[in-house]
Amino acid sequence: MGNSYLTVEKETFDEFTEKRSRFIGYIKPVTTEAEALEFIEGIKKKHWDAKHNVYAYVLKSGASRFSDDGEPQGTAGMPVLDVLQKSNVVDCVVVVTRYFGGILLGGGGLVRAYSHAASIAVTAAGVKEMKPYTRLSAVVDYNLYGKLENIISSNGGSVENADFKENVEVSFLILENMVSKFEKDLSEISLGSVKCEVLCEDIYR
């Protein structure tokens, strides 16, 4: 059984200026290190003329990485990673691009600026909860289809596909922690005549 987790809703960015230095925080939901690294490389190419492209990512698998990209150690990548960890989001990557404005910010100023850039990126992307679902299938007659739809909905699920043949062949998602209740409900509405088949577990959405 999987557990729900938080991630970011969409790829986006936000920016601000601090003492003439421009900070742009880019963020994207990812599921693998390869995706995260591809996004980082894309931002580096886009902003090849920037002084620094600092990054951090955290994956649901537990993998995480960060880079100061030339900023003093501990003043950039770690603060960005810290924002992600404190926001409890995983499966996401942040790149903060800095165009140096000629005024030194100092260690504390850099930490605050990179933290703020990461924070506004997370806010702009929005945070959503990913819940584990189980995909099931069942075959019901036309009289039962409406009742089946109702119990799918009442158990936090949704119909993915319904094939109307001699009977109705239905595939659907049910919240993982509601599957046993759903099976009980299905037995009740069909008087034990309909059984469902588990097609796939741990589908997150």
C-alpha atoms as a PDB file:
ATOM      1  CA  MET A   1       0.000   0.000   0.000  1.00  0.00           C
ATOM      2  CA  GLY A   2       1.361   3.388  -0.932  1.00  0.00           C
ATOM      3  CA  ASN A   3       1.138   6.580   1.055  1.00  0.00           C
ATOM      4  CA  SER A   4      -0.031   9.960  -0.187  1.00  0.00           C
ATOM      5  CA  TYR A   5       2.602  12.639  -0.727  1.00  0.00           C
ATOM      6  CA  LEU A   6       2.900  16.283  -1.745  1.00  0.00           C
ATOM      7  CA  THR A   7       4.358  17.573  -4.991  1.00  0.00           C
ATOM      8  CA  VAL A   8       4.029  20.707  -7.131  1.00  0.00           C
ATOM      9  CA  GLU A   9       1.159  21.125  -9.571  1.00  0.00           C
ATOM     10  CA  LYS A  10       2.875  22.613 -12.604  1.00  0.00           C
ATOM     11  CA  GLU A  11       6.047  23.878 -14.221  1.00  0.00           C
ATOM     12  CA  THR A  12       6.403  27.641 -13.770  1.00  0.00           C
ATOM     13  CA  PHE A  13       8.697  30.398 -12.495  1.00  0.00           C
ATOM     14  CA  ASP A  14       8.741  33.609 -10.495  1.00  0.00           C
ATOM     15  CA  GLU A  15      11.397  36.266  -9.984  1.00  0.00           C
ATOM     16  CA  PHE A  16      12.486  39.244  -7.916  1.00  0.00           C
ATOM     17  CA  THR A  17      15.390  41.684  -7.735  1.00  0.00           C
ATOM     18  CA  GLU A  18      17.620  42.128  -4.681  1.00  0.00           C
ATOM     19  CA  LYS A  19      20.235  44.934  -4.744  1.00  0.00           C
ATOM     20  CA  ARG A  20      20.227  44.901  -8.538  1.00  0.00           C
ATOM     21  CA  SER A  21      20.776  41.108  -8.696  1.00  0.00           C
ATOM     22  CA  ARG A  22      17.964  39.384 -10.569  1.00  0.00           C
ATOM     23  CA  PHE A  23      16.843  36.023  -9.169  1.00  0.00           C
ATOM     24  CA  ILE A  24      14.567  33.765 -11.257  1.00  0.00           C
ATOM     25  CA  GLY A  25      13.173  30.649  -9.577  1.00  0.00           C
ATOM     26  CA  TYR A  26      12.167  27.879 -11.998  1.00  0.00           C
ATOM     27  CA  ILE A  27      10.293  24.804 -10.779  1.00  0.00           C
ATOM     28  CA  LYS A  28       8.979  21.609 -12.361  1.00  0.00           C
ATOM     29  CA  PRO A  29       7.354  18.351 -11.196  1.00  0.00           C
ATOM     30  CA  VAL A  30       9.586  15.381 -12.125  1.00  0.00           C
ATOM     31  CA  THR A  31       9.645  11.679 -11.270  1.00  0.00           C
ATOM     32  CA  THR A  32      13.245  10.672 -12.081  1.00  0.00           C
ATOM     33  CA  GLU A  33      16.766  12.069 -11.690  1.00  0.00           C
ATOM     34  CA  ALA A  34      17.107  12.008 -15.487  1.00  0.00           C
ATOM     35  CA  GLU A  35      14.073  14.333 -15.816  1.00  0.00           C
ATOM     36  CA  ALA A  36      15.451  16.636 -13.119  1.00  0.00           C
ATOM     37  CA  LEU A  37      18.899  16.826 -14.757  1.00  0.00           C
ATOM     38  CA  GLU A  38      17.360  17.443 -18.191  1.00  0.00           C
ATOM     39  CA  PHE A  39      15.374  20.378 -16.773  1.00  0.00           C
ATOM     40  CA  ILE A  40      18.495  21.786 -15.057  1.00  0.00           C
ATOM     41  CA  GLU A  41      20.511  21.563 -18.300  1.00  0.00           C
ATOM     42  CA  GLY A  42      17.676  23.253 -20.203  1.00  0.00           C
ATOM     43  CA  ILE A  43      17.657  26.239 -17.812  1.00  0.00           C
ATOM     44  CA  LYS A  44      21.478  26.450 -17.949  1.00  0.00           C
ATOM     45  CA  LYS A  45      21.323  26.624 -21.747  1.00  0.00           C
ATOM     46  CA  LYS A  46      18.530  29.191 -21.652  1.00  0.00           C
ATOM     47  CA  HIS A  47      20.472  31.363 -19.196  1.00  0.00           C
ATOM     48  CA  TRP A  48      24.013  30.609 -20.397  1.00  0.00           C
ATOM     49  CA  ASP A  49      24.906  34.257 -19.764  1.00  0.00           C
ATOM     50  CA  ALA A  50      23.844  34.211 -16.085  1.00  0.00           C
ATOM     51  CA  LYS A  51      26.511  34.155 -13.399  1.00  0.00           C
ATOM     52  CA  HIS A  52      24.883  31.280 -11.473  1.00  0.00           C
ATOM     53  CA  ASN A  53      22.258  28.572 -12.101  1.00  0.00           C
ATOM     54  CA  VAL A  54      21.787  27.041  -8.661  1.00  0.00           C
ATOM     55  CA  TYR A  55      19.617  23.944  -8.310  1.00  0.00           C
ATOM     56  CA  ALA A  56      18.116  21.397  -5.948  1.00  0.00           C
ATOM     57  CA  TYR A  57      15.759  18.487  -6.381  1.00  0.00           C
ATOM     58  CA  VAL A  58      14.015  15.944  -4.171  1.00  0.00           C
ATOM     59  CA  LEU A  59      12.435  12.711  -5.371  1.00  0.00           C
ATOM     60  CA  LYS A  60       9.871  10.444  -3.766  1.00  0.00           C
ATOM     61  CA  SER A  61      12.472   7.662  -3.946  1.00  0.00           C
ATOM     62  CA  GLY A  62      14.568   9.599  -1.405  1.00  0.00           C
ATOM     63  CA  ALA A  63      17.153  10.844  -3.909  1.00  0.00           C
ATOM     64  CA  SER A  64      18.132  14.512  -3.597  1.00  0.00           C
ATOM     65  CA  ARG A  65      20.886  16.736  -4.928  1.00  0.00           C
ATOM     66  CA  PHE A  66      21.871  20.376  -4.912  1.00  0.00           C
ATOM     67  CA  SER A  67      24.540  22.635  -6.392  1.00  0.00           C
ATOM     68  CA  ASP A  68      25.837  26.086  -5.394  1.00  0.00           C
ATOM     69  CA  ASP A  69      27.077  26.594  -8.990  1.00  0.00           C
ATOM     70  CA  GLY A  70      29.921  28.893  -7.997  1.00  0.00           C
ATOM     71  CA  GLU A  71      28.261  30.706  -5.099  1.00  0.00           C
ATOM     72  CA  PRO A  72      30.037  30.421  -1.695  1.00  0.00           C
ATOM     73  CA  GLN A  73      29.480  26.942  -0.236  1.00  0.00           C
ATOM     74  CA  GLY A  74      26.230  26.593   1.714  1.00  0.00           C
ATOM     75  CA  THR A  75      24.737  29.909   0.571  1.00  0.00           C
ATOM     76  CA  ALA A  76      22.684  28.768  -2.429  1.00  0.00           C
ATOM     77  CA  GLY A  77      21.915  25.105  -3.226  1.00  0.00           C
ATOM     78  CA  MET A  78      21.371  24.034   0.369  1.00  0.00           C
ATOM     79  CA  PRO A  79      18.895  26.881   1.128  1.00  0.00           C
ATOM     80  CA  VAL A  80      16.930  25.940  -2.040  1.00  0.00           C
ATOM     81  CA  LEU A  81      16.843  22.274  -0.964  1.00  0.00           C
ATOM     82  CA  ASP A  82      15.830  23.358   2.538  1.00  0.00           C
ATOM     83  CA  VAL A  83      12.760  25.191   1.151  1.00  0.00           C
ATOM     84  CA  LEU A  84      11.647  22.046  -0.697  1.00  0.00           C
ATOM     85  CA  GLN A  85      12.145  19.888   2.392  1.00  0.00           C
ATOM     86  CA  LYS A  86      10.297  22.315   4.676  1.00  0.00           C
ATOM     87  CA  SER A  87       7.442  22.505   2.139  1.00  0.00           C
ATOM     88  CA  ASN A  88       7.285  18.673   2.325  1.00  0.00           C
ATOM     89  CA  VAL A  89       7.241  18.435  -1.482  1.00  0.00           C
ATOM     90  CA  VAL A  90       8.938  15.638  -3.428  1.00  0.00           C
ATOM     91  CA  ASP A  91       9.289  14.751  -7.109  1.00  0.00           C
ATOM     92  CA  CYS A  92      10.238  18.308  -8.018  1.00  0.00           C
ATOM     93  CA  VAL A  93      13.262  20.307  -9.139  1.00  0.00           C
ATOM     94  CA  VAL A  94      14.093  23.997  -8.662  1.00  0.00           C
ATOM     95  CA  VAL A  95      16.693  26.028 -10.553  1.00  0.00           C
ATOM     96  CA  VAL A  96      17.430  29.566  -9.366  1.00  0.00           C
ATOM     97  CA  THR A  97      19.136  31.703 -12.001  1.00  0.00           C
ATOM     98  CA  ARG A  98      21.037  34.758 -10.742  1.00  0.00           C
ATOM     99  CA  TYR A  99      22.136  37.696 -12.844  1.00  0.00           C
ATOM    100  CA  PHE A 100      24.675  39.525 -10.685  1.00  0.00           C
ATOM    101  CA  GLY A 101      23.889  43.207 -10.240  1.00  0.00           C
ATOM    102  CA  GLY A 102      27.292  44.375  -9.072  1.00  0.00           C
ATOM    103  CA  ILE A 103      26.517  44.616  -5.351  1.00  0.00           C
ATOM    104  CA  LEU A 104      27.685  41.817  -3.046  1.00  0.00           C
ATOM    105  CA  LEU A 105      24.901  40.411  -0.883  1.00  0.00           C
ATOM    106  CA  GLY A 106      27.077  38.657   1.694  1.00  0.00           C
ATOM    107  CA  GLY A 107      26.545  35.094   2.968  1.00  0.00           C
ATOM    108  CA  GLY A 108      23.331  35.812   4.892  1.00  0.00           C
ATOM    109  CA  GLY A 109      21.944  37.888   2.030  1.00  0.00           C
ATOM    110  CA  LEU A 110      22.578  35.074  -0.453  1.00  0.00           C
ATOM    111  CA  VAL A 111      20.900  32.493   1.784  1.00  0.00           C
ATOM    112  CA  ARG A 112      17.834  34.732   2.134  1.00  0.00           C
ATOM    113  CA  ALA A 113      17.706  35.520  -1.593  1.00  0.00           C
ATOM    114  CA  TYR A 114      18.011  31.915  -2.777  1.00  0.00           C
ATOM    115  CA  SER A 115      15.519  30.747  -0.149  1.00  0.00           C
ATOM    116  CA  HIS A 116      13.067  33.436  -1.257  1.00  0.00           C
ATOM    117  CA  ALA A 117      13.498  32.542  -4.956  1.00  0.00           C
ATOM    118  CA  ALA A 118      12.752  28.881  -4.202  1.00  0.00           C
ATOM    119  CA  SER A 119       9.833  29.786  -1.967  1.00  0.00           C
ATOM    120  CA  ILE A 120       8.094  32.015  -4.538  1.00  0.00           C
ATOM    121  CA  ALA A 121       8.606  29.299  -7.178  1.00  0.00           C
ATOM    122  CA  VAL A 122       6.868  26.722  -4.947  1.00  0.00           C
ATOM    123  CA  THR A 123       4.024  29.185  -4.295  1.00  0.00           C
ATOM    124  CA  ALA A 124       3.656  29.930  -8.020  1.00  0.00           C
ATOM    125  CA  ALA A 125       3.584  26.219  -8.897  1.00  0.00           C
ATOM    126  CA  GLY A 126       1.040  25.313  -6.207  1.00  0.00           C
ATOM    127  CA  VAL A 127       1.225  22.237  -4.001  1.00  0.00           C
ATOM    128  CA  LYS A 128      -1.024  19.227  -4.483  1.00  0.00           C
ATOM    129  CA  GLU A 129      -1.504  15.945  -2.674  1.00  0.00           C
ATOM    130  CA  MET A 130      -0.896  12.792  -4.702  1.00  0.00           C
ATOM    131  CA  LYS A 131      -2.961   9.862  -3.459  1.00  0.00           C
ATOM    132  CA  PRO A 132      -2.522   6.146  -4.229  1.00  0.00           C
ATOM    133  CA  TYR A 133      -5.293   4.489  -6.211  1.00  0.00           C
ATOM    134  CA  THR A 134      -5.945   0.907  -7.303  1.00  0.00           C
ATOM    135  CA  ARG A 135      -7.217   0.195 -10.821  1.00  0.00           C
ATOM    136  CA  LEU A 136      -9.966  -2.415 -10.853  1.00  0.00           C
ATOM    137  CA  SER A 137     -12.322  -3.910 -13.408  1.00  0.00           C
ATOM    138  CA  ALA A 138     -15.771  -5.458 -13.161  1.00  0.00           C
ATOM    139  CA  VAL A 139     -18.468  -6.710 -15.499  1.00  0.00           C
ATOM    140  CA  VAL A 140     -22.048  -5.755 -14.574  1.00  0.00           C
ATOM    141  CA  ASP A 141     -25.410  -5.839 -16.259  1.00  0.00           C
ATOM    142  CA  TYR A 142     -27.055  -2.608 -17.367  1.00  0.00           C
ATOM    143  CA  ASN A 143     -29.341  -2.505 -14.319  1.00  0.00           C
ATOM    144  CA  LEU A 144     -26.352  -2.444 -11.958  1.00  0.00           C
ATOM    145  CA  TYR A 145     -24.192   0.035 -13.855  1.00  0.00           C
ATOM    146  CA  GLY A 146     -25.728   3.139 -12.247  1.00  0.00           C
ATOM    147  CA  LYS A 147     -25.308   1.651  -8.758  1.00  0.00           C
ATOM    148  CA  LEU A 148     -21.708   0.697  -9.579  1.00  0.00           C
ATOM    149  CA  GLU A 149     -20.969   4.280 -10.638  1.00  0.00           C
ATOM    150  CA  ASN A 150     -22.392   5.512  -7.312  1.00  0.00           C
ATOM    151  CA  ILE A 151     -20.249   3.238  -5.156  1.00  0.00           C
ATOM    152  CA  ILE A 152     -17.133   4.021  -7.211  1.00  0.00           C
ATOM    153  CA  SER A 153     -17.739   7.722  -6.545  1.00  0.00           C
ATOM    154  CA  SER A 154     -18.560   7.218  -2.838  1.00  0.00           C
ATOM    155  CA  ASN A 155     -15.251   5.354  -2.385  1.00  0.00           C
ATOM    156  CA  GLY A 156     -13.165   8.219  -3.761  1.00  0.00           C
ATOM    157  CA  GLY A 157     -12.900   6.757  -7.238  1.00  0.00           C
ATOM    158  CA  SER A 158     -13.670   7.469 -10.868  1.00  0.00           C
ATOM    159  CA  VAL A 159     -14.651   5.453 -13.940  1.00  0.00           C
ATOM    160  CA  GLU A 160     -11.816   5.317 -16.502  1.00  0.00           C
ATOM    161  CA  ASN A 161     -13.522   3.293 -19.191  1.00  0.00           C
ATOM    162  CA  ALA A 162     -16.917   1.654 -19.746  1.00  0.00           C
ATOM    163  CA  ASP A 163     -17.419  -0.755 -22.629  1.00  0.00           C
ATOM    164  CA  PHE A 164     -21.139  -1.266 -23.340  1.00  0.00           C
ATOM    165  CA  LYS A 165     -21.473  -4.747 -24.828  1.00  0.00           C
ATOM    166  CA  GLU A 166     -23.861  -7.482 -23.792  1.00  0.00           C
ATOM    167  CA  ASN A 167     -22.924  -6.415 -20.266  1.00  0.00           C
ATOM    168  CA  VAL A 168     -20.950  -3.350 -19.195  1.00  0.00           C
ATOM    169  CA  GLU A 169     -17.190  -3.921 -18.794  1.00  0.00           C
ATOM    170  CA  VAL A 170     -15.899  -1.185 -16.523  1.00  0.00           C
ATOM    171  CA  SER A 171     -12.370  -0.198 -15.480  1.00  0.00           C
ATOM    172  CA  PHE A 172     -12.074   2.317 -12.671  1.00  0.00           C
ATOM    173  CA  LEU A 173      -9.879   3.757  -9.936  1.00  0.00           C
ATOM    174  CA  ILE A 174     -10.586   3.488  -6.202  1.00  0.00           C
ATOM    175  CA  LEU A 175      -8.593   5.122  -3.412  1.00  0.00           C
ATOM    176  CA  GLU A 176      -6.280   2.390  -2.135  1.00  0.00           C
ATOM    177  CA  ASN A 177      -7.472   2.650   1.457  1.00  0.00           C
ATOM    178  CA  MET A 178     -11.108   2.304   0.310  1.00  0.00           C
ATOM    179  CA  VAL A 179     -10.763  -0.878  -1.776  1.00  0.00           C
ATOM    180  CA  SER A 180     -12.001  -3.283   0.915  1.00  0.00           C
ATOM    181  CA  LYS A 181     -15.024  -1.053   1.622  1.00  0.00           C
ATOM    182  CA  PHE A 182     -15.713  -0.823  -2.115  1.00  0.00           C
ATOM    183  CA  GLU A 183     -15.621  -4.628  -2.447  1.00  0.00           C
ATOM    184  CA  LYS A 184     -18.114  -4.901   0.434  1.00  0.00           C
ATOM    185  CA  ASP A 185     -20.388  -2.298  -1.230  1.00  0.00           C
ATOM    186  CA  LEU A 186     -20.136  -4.142  -4.558  1.00  0.00           C
ATOM    187  CA  SER A 187     -21.107  -7.417  -2.897  1.00  0.00           C
ATOM    188  CA  GLU A 188     -24.130  -5.691  -1.334  1.00  0.00           C
ATOM    189  CA  ILE A 189     -25.468  -4.062  -4.519  1.00  0.00           C
ATOM    190  CA  SER A 190     -24.944  -7.224  -6.583  1.00  0.00           C
ATOM    191  CA  LEU A 191     -26.003  -9.686  -3.846  1.00  0.00           C
ATOM    192  CA  GLY A 192     -22.561 -11.285  -4.189  1.00  0.00           C
ATOM    193  CA  SER A 193     -22.891 -11.974  -7.912  1.00  0.00           C
ATOM    194  CA  VAL A 194     -20.214  -9.511  -9.130  1.00  0.00           C
ATOM    195  CA  LYS A 195     -16.509  -9.736  -8.330  1.00  0.00           C
ATOM    196  CA  CYS A 196     -13.928  -7.150  -9.279  1.00  0.00           C
ATOM    197  CA  GLU A 197     -10.414  -7.807 -10.557  1.00  0.00           C
ATOM    198  CA  VAL A 198      -7.348  -5.823  -9.448  1.00  0.00           C
ATOM    199  CA  LEU A 199      -5.480  -4.594 -12.540  1.00  0.00           C
ATOM    200  CA  CYS A 200      -2.835  -2.335 -10.985  1.00  0.00           C
ATOM    201  CA  GLU A 201      -1.919  -0.832  -7.604  1.00  0.00           C
ATOM    202  CA  ASP A 202      -0.057   2.287  -6.486  1.00  0.00           C
ATOM    203  CA  ILE A 203      -1.293   4.617  -9.227  1.00  0.00           C
ATOM    204  CA  TYR A 204      -0.723   8.159  -8.013  1.00  0.00           C
ATOM    205  CA  ARG A 205      -2.805  11.140  -9.028  1.00  0.00           C
END
